[in-house]
Structure formats: structure tokens, C-alpha cells
N, C-alpha and C. Protein backbone atom coordinates (compact mmCIF):
# COMPACT_ATOMS: atom_id res chain seq x y z
N MET A 1 -28.81 0.84 3.47
CA MET A 1 -27.61 0.11 3.73
C MET A 1 -26.40 1.04 3.92
N PRO A 2 -26.45 1.95 4.85
CA PRO A 2 -25.33 2.87 5.04
C PRO A 2 -24.04 2.16 5.42
N GLY A 3 -24.12 1.09 6.19
CA GLY A 3 -22.92 0.35 6.57
C GLY A 3 -22.23 -0.27 5.37
N PHE A 4 -23.04 -0.83 4.46
CA PHE A 4 -22.49 -1.44 3.25
C PHE A 4 -21.87 -0.38 2.36
N ASP A 5 -22.54 0.76 2.22
CA ASP A 5 -22.01 1.84 1.39
C ASP A 5 -20.67 2.34 1.93
N ARG A 6 -20.57 2.46 3.24
CA ARG A 6 -19.31 2.91 3.86
C ARG A 6 -18.21 1.89 3.62
N LEU A 7 -18.54 0.62 3.76
CA LEU A 7 -17.56 -0.45 3.53
C LEU A 7 -17.11 -0.46 2.07
N ALA A 8 -18.03 -0.29 1.15
CA ALA A 8 -17.69 -0.27 -0.27
C ALA A 8 -16.80 0.93 -0.59
N ARG A 9 -17.09 2.08 0.01
CA ARG A 9 -16.27 3.28 -0.21
C ARG A 9 -14.85 3.07 0.32
N LYS A 10 -14.74 2.47 1.52
CA LYS A 10 -13.41 2.21 2.09
C LYS A 10 -12.62 1.22 1.23
N ALA A 11 -13.29 0.22 0.71
CA ALA A 11 -12.62 -0.76 -0.16
C ALA A 11 -12.12 -0.08 -1.44
N SER A 12 -12.93 0.78 -1.99
CA SER A 12 -12.53 1.52 -3.19
C SER A 12 -11.34 2.44 -2.91
N GLU A 13 -11.36 3.11 -1.77
CA GLU A 13 -10.25 3.97 -1.39
C GLU A 13 -8.97 3.17 -1.21
N ALA A 14 -9.07 1.99 -0.62
CA ALA A 14 -7.89 1.13 -0.42
C ALA A 14 -7.32 0.67 -1.75
N ARG A 15 -8.19 0.30 -2.69
CA ARG A 15 -7.72 -0.11 -4.03
C ARG A 15 -7.02 1.04 -4.72
N SER A 16 -7.58 2.23 -4.60
CA SER A 16 -6.99 3.40 -5.23
C SER A 16 -5.62 3.72 -4.63
N LEU A 17 -5.52 3.69 -3.29
CA LEU A 17 -4.25 3.95 -2.64
C LEU A 17 -3.23 2.88 -3.00
N THR A 18 -3.65 1.64 -3.05
CA THR A 18 -2.74 0.55 -3.43
C THR A 18 -2.19 0.81 -4.83
N SER A 19 -3.03 1.21 -5.75
CA SER A 19 -2.60 1.49 -7.13
C SER A 19 -1.60 2.65 -7.15
N ARG A 20 -1.86 3.69 -6.36
CA ARG A 20 -0.94 4.84 -6.32
C ARG A 20 0.41 4.43 -5.74
N VAL A 21 0.39 3.62 -4.68
CA VAL A 21 1.64 3.15 -4.07
C VAL A 21 2.41 2.30 -5.09
N GLN A 22 1.74 1.36 -5.73
CA GLN A 22 2.41 0.51 -6.72
C GLN A 22 3.02 1.35 -7.83
N ALA A 23 2.33 2.37 -8.29
CA ALA A 23 2.83 3.21 -9.38
C ALA A 23 4.10 3.97 -9.01
N GLU A 24 4.27 4.27 -7.73
CA GLU A 24 5.44 5.03 -7.28
C GLU A 24 6.64 4.15 -6.96
N LEU A 25 6.45 2.85 -6.92
CA LEU A 25 7.55 1.93 -6.60
C LEU A 25 8.20 1.40 -7.87
N PRO A 26 9.44 0.91 -7.77
CA PRO A 26 10.08 0.31 -8.95
C PRO A 26 9.24 -0.84 -9.50
N GLU A 27 9.30 -1.01 -10.80
CA GLU A 27 8.47 -2.02 -11.47
C GLU A 27 8.65 -3.42 -10.88
N THR A 28 9.85 -3.77 -10.49
CA THR A 28 10.11 -5.11 -9.96
C THR A 28 9.40 -5.35 -8.63
N VAL A 29 9.05 -4.30 -7.92
CA VAL A 29 8.44 -4.41 -6.59
C VAL A 29 6.91 -4.39 -6.67
N ARG A 30 6.37 -3.76 -7.66
CA ARG A 30 4.92 -3.49 -7.75
C ARG A 30 4.04 -4.72 -7.53
N ALA A 31 4.36 -5.82 -8.18
CA ALA A 31 3.50 -7.02 -8.11
C ALA A 31 3.50 -7.64 -6.72
N HIS A 32 4.46 -7.26 -5.88
CA HIS A 32 4.57 -7.86 -4.55
C HIS A 32 3.83 -7.04 -3.49
N VAL A 33 3.30 -5.89 -3.88
CA VAL A 33 2.49 -5.07 -2.98
C VAL A 33 1.06 -5.57 -3.06
N LEU A 34 0.58 -6.14 -1.96
CA LEU A 34 -0.77 -6.70 -1.94
C LEU A 34 -1.83 -5.66 -1.64
N SER A 35 -1.50 -4.70 -0.76
CA SER A 35 -2.44 -3.63 -0.44
C SER A 35 -1.72 -2.50 0.28
N ALA A 36 -2.40 -1.38 0.34
CA ALA A 36 -1.90 -0.23 1.08
C ALA A 36 -3.10 0.45 1.72
N SER A 37 -2.90 0.97 2.92
CA SER A 37 -3.98 1.65 3.63
C SER A 37 -3.37 2.70 4.55
N ARG A 38 -4.24 3.55 5.06
CA ARG A 38 -3.83 4.57 6.03
C ARG A 38 -4.29 4.15 7.42
N ARG A 39 -3.42 4.31 8.38
CA ARG A 39 -3.75 4.14 9.80
C ARG A 39 -3.36 5.44 10.45
N GLU A 40 -4.36 6.32 10.56
CA GLU A 40 -4.14 7.70 11.00
C GLU A 40 -3.14 8.35 10.06
N ASP A 41 -1.98 8.79 10.54
CA ASP A 41 -1.02 9.47 9.66
C ASP A 41 0.00 8.52 9.04
N ASP A 42 -0.09 7.24 9.34
CA ASP A 42 0.86 6.27 8.80
C ASP A 42 0.32 5.64 7.52
N LEU A 43 1.24 5.29 6.64
CA LEU A 43 0.91 4.51 5.45
C LEU A 43 1.34 3.08 5.75
N VAL A 44 0.43 2.14 5.62
CA VAL A 44 0.72 0.72 5.86
C VAL A 44 0.68 0.00 4.53
N VAL A 45 1.82 -0.60 4.17
CA VAL A 45 1.94 -1.32 2.91
C VAL A 45 2.11 -2.80 3.23
N ILE A 46 1.26 -3.64 2.63
CA ILE A 46 1.32 -5.09 2.84
C ILE A 46 1.99 -5.71 1.61
N VAL A 47 3.05 -6.49 1.86
CA VAL A 47 3.76 -7.16 0.78
C VAL A 47 3.71 -8.67 1.00
N ASP A 48 4.11 -9.42 -0.04
CA ASP A 48 3.95 -10.87 0.03
C ASP A 48 5.13 -11.64 0.61
N SER A 49 6.25 -10.98 0.89
CA SER A 49 7.37 -11.69 1.51
C SER A 49 8.32 -10.70 2.19
N ALA A 50 9.12 -11.22 3.10
CA ALA A 50 10.08 -10.37 3.83
C ALA A 50 11.11 -9.77 2.88
N ALA A 51 11.48 -10.49 1.86
CA ALA A 51 12.46 -9.95 0.90
C ALA A 51 11.95 -8.67 0.25
N TRP A 52 10.68 -8.64 -0.09
CA TRP A 52 10.11 -7.45 -0.73
C TRP A 52 9.82 -6.37 0.29
N SER A 53 9.59 -6.74 1.53
CA SER A 53 9.36 -5.71 2.56
C SER A 53 10.61 -4.84 2.71
N ALA A 54 11.78 -5.45 2.62
CA ALA A 54 13.02 -4.68 2.72
C ALA A 54 13.13 -3.67 1.57
N ARG A 55 12.72 -4.07 0.38
CA ARG A 55 12.79 -3.16 -0.77
C ARG A 55 11.83 -1.99 -0.60
N VAL A 56 10.63 -2.27 -0.09
CA VAL A 56 9.65 -1.19 0.13
C VAL A 56 10.13 -0.26 1.24
N ARG A 57 10.67 -0.83 2.32
CA ARG A 57 11.21 0.01 3.40
C ARG A 57 12.31 0.93 2.88
N TYR A 58 13.19 0.37 2.05
CA TYR A 58 14.28 1.15 1.48
C TYR A 58 13.74 2.32 0.65
N ALA A 59 12.63 2.10 -0.06
CA ALA A 59 12.04 3.13 -0.90
C ALA A 59 11.08 4.04 -0.12
N GLY A 60 10.91 3.79 1.18
CA GLY A 60 9.90 4.48 1.98
C GLY A 60 9.96 5.99 1.95
N ARG A 61 11.12 6.57 2.12
CA ARG A 61 11.24 8.04 2.16
C ARG A 61 10.84 8.66 0.82
N ARG A 62 11.31 8.05 -0.26
CA ARG A 62 10.98 8.54 -1.59
C ARG A 62 9.48 8.34 -1.87
N LEU A 63 8.94 7.19 -1.49
CA LEU A 63 7.53 6.89 -1.67
C LEU A 63 6.67 7.92 -0.94
N LYS A 64 7.02 8.19 0.30
CA LYS A 64 6.30 9.18 1.11
C LYS A 64 6.30 10.54 0.42
N ALA A 65 7.46 10.99 -0.03
CA ALA A 65 7.57 12.30 -0.67
C ALA A 65 6.76 12.36 -1.97
N GLN A 66 6.81 11.30 -2.76
CA GLN A 66 6.08 11.30 -4.03
C GLN A 66 4.57 11.29 -3.82
N LEU A 67 4.10 10.51 -2.87
CA LEU A 67 2.67 10.47 -2.60
C LEU A 67 2.17 11.80 -2.05
N GLU A 68 2.92 12.41 -1.15
CA GLU A 68 2.53 13.71 -0.61
C GLU A 68 2.54 14.78 -1.70
N ALA A 69 3.53 14.72 -2.59
CA ALA A 69 3.60 15.68 -3.70
C ALA A 69 2.40 15.53 -4.64
N ALA A 70 1.87 14.31 -4.71
CA ALA A 70 0.71 14.03 -5.58
C ALA A 70 -0.62 14.32 -4.89
N GLY A 71 -0.56 14.82 -3.63
CA GLY A 71 -1.79 15.22 -2.96
C GLY A 71 -2.23 14.33 -1.81
N GLU A 72 -1.51 13.27 -1.54
CA GLU A 72 -1.86 12.40 -0.40
C GLU A 72 -1.63 13.19 0.89
N PRO A 73 -2.56 13.11 1.85
CA PRO A 73 -2.34 13.81 3.12
C PRO A 73 -1.03 13.39 3.78
N ARG A 74 -0.53 14.23 4.63
CA ARG A 74 0.75 14.03 5.30
C ARG A 74 0.90 12.61 5.83
N ILE A 75 2.05 12.01 5.56
CA ILE A 75 2.37 10.66 6.02
C ILE A 75 3.48 10.77 7.06
N THR A 76 3.20 10.33 8.28
CA THR A 76 4.21 10.37 9.34
C THR A 76 5.29 9.33 9.09
N LYS A 77 4.87 8.10 8.83
CA LYS A 77 5.85 7.06 8.51
C LYS A 77 5.21 5.99 7.64
N VAL A 78 6.09 5.27 6.95
CA VAL A 78 5.67 4.15 6.11
C VAL A 78 5.96 2.88 6.89
N ARG A 79 4.92 2.10 7.14
CA ARG A 79 5.07 0.81 7.84
C ARG A 79 4.83 -0.29 6.81
N VAL A 80 5.68 -1.29 6.84
CA VAL A 80 5.56 -2.40 5.89
C VAL A 80 5.32 -3.69 6.67
N LYS A 81 4.32 -4.43 6.24
CA LYS A 81 3.97 -5.70 6.88
C LYS A 81 3.99 -6.79 5.83
N VAL A 82 4.27 -8.02 6.28
CA VAL A 82 4.33 -9.16 5.38
C VAL A 82 3.12 -10.05 5.59
N ARG A 83 2.46 -10.37 4.49
CA ARG A 83 1.36 -11.34 4.48
C ARG A 83 1.54 -12.16 3.22
N GLY A 84 1.55 -13.47 3.36
CA GLY A 84 1.70 -14.32 2.19
C GLY A 84 0.50 -14.19 1.27
N LYS A 85 0.71 -14.53 0.01
CA LYS A 85 -0.39 -14.53 -0.95
C LYS A 85 -1.36 -15.64 -0.59
N ALA A 86 -2.61 -15.45 -0.92
CA ALA A 86 -3.63 -16.46 -0.66
C ALA A 86 -3.35 -17.71 -1.50
N LEU A 87 -3.61 -18.86 -0.93
CA LEU A 87 -3.44 -20.11 -1.67
C LEU A 87 -4.39 -20.14 -2.86
N GLY A 88 -3.89 -20.66 -3.95
CA GLY A 88 -4.73 -20.81 -5.12
C GLY A 88 -4.89 -19.55 -5.94
N ASP A 89 -4.02 -18.55 -5.71
CA ASP A 89 -4.17 -17.32 -6.50
C ASP A 89 -3.40 -17.39 -7.82
N GLY A 90 -2.74 -18.53 -8.08
CA GLY A 90 -2.10 -18.70 -9.36
C GLY A 90 -0.71 -18.12 -9.49
N ARG A 91 -0.15 -17.60 -8.41
CA ARG A 91 1.20 -17.02 -8.51
C ARG A 91 2.19 -17.85 -7.77
């Protein structure tokens, strides 16, 4: 099952990156970050509303510098996208 193993590895990497991104953001913003991933040299952060996307964009330069200082490969830019939370998630 090489395809499944690759998918599982990518999912694990995405969870790890999401956790690192959340840890570098202000506490009030962390819960609104749904996921983070890499698209080539860009960091893509998914948040749950436009209001929180503005906060993440504002923190983008600092976030980029902190992640790179912690060993994340070079980030060209931080892109923020909005996706609502799934229905029935209790929030």
C-alpha cells in the first residue's frame, strides 16, 4: 500500500506543520487555524473566518521568520484562506 503510506505521511506532516503554526501565533488566534500546508515555497494557512484571516496576515512576517528560524524550509510568502468549520463540530 505505498499510496496509502504516502497519504498517511502527508497527513502527519500537515498536522505537525499546523501545530507549529498555531504555536507561533498569538493564543487568541490559535483555535481559528484549521490547517497549514506548504505549496512549493508558500505557506498556506486555513482559518475559520475572514476576521481571523486578517489577524494571521498581520502576523505573517513574524510567523515566517519564526518558522524559518525553527528549521522550516524557506517560505516565500504566507497565504491565508478562509474555510468555515465543518457543521456539527461543536464550536
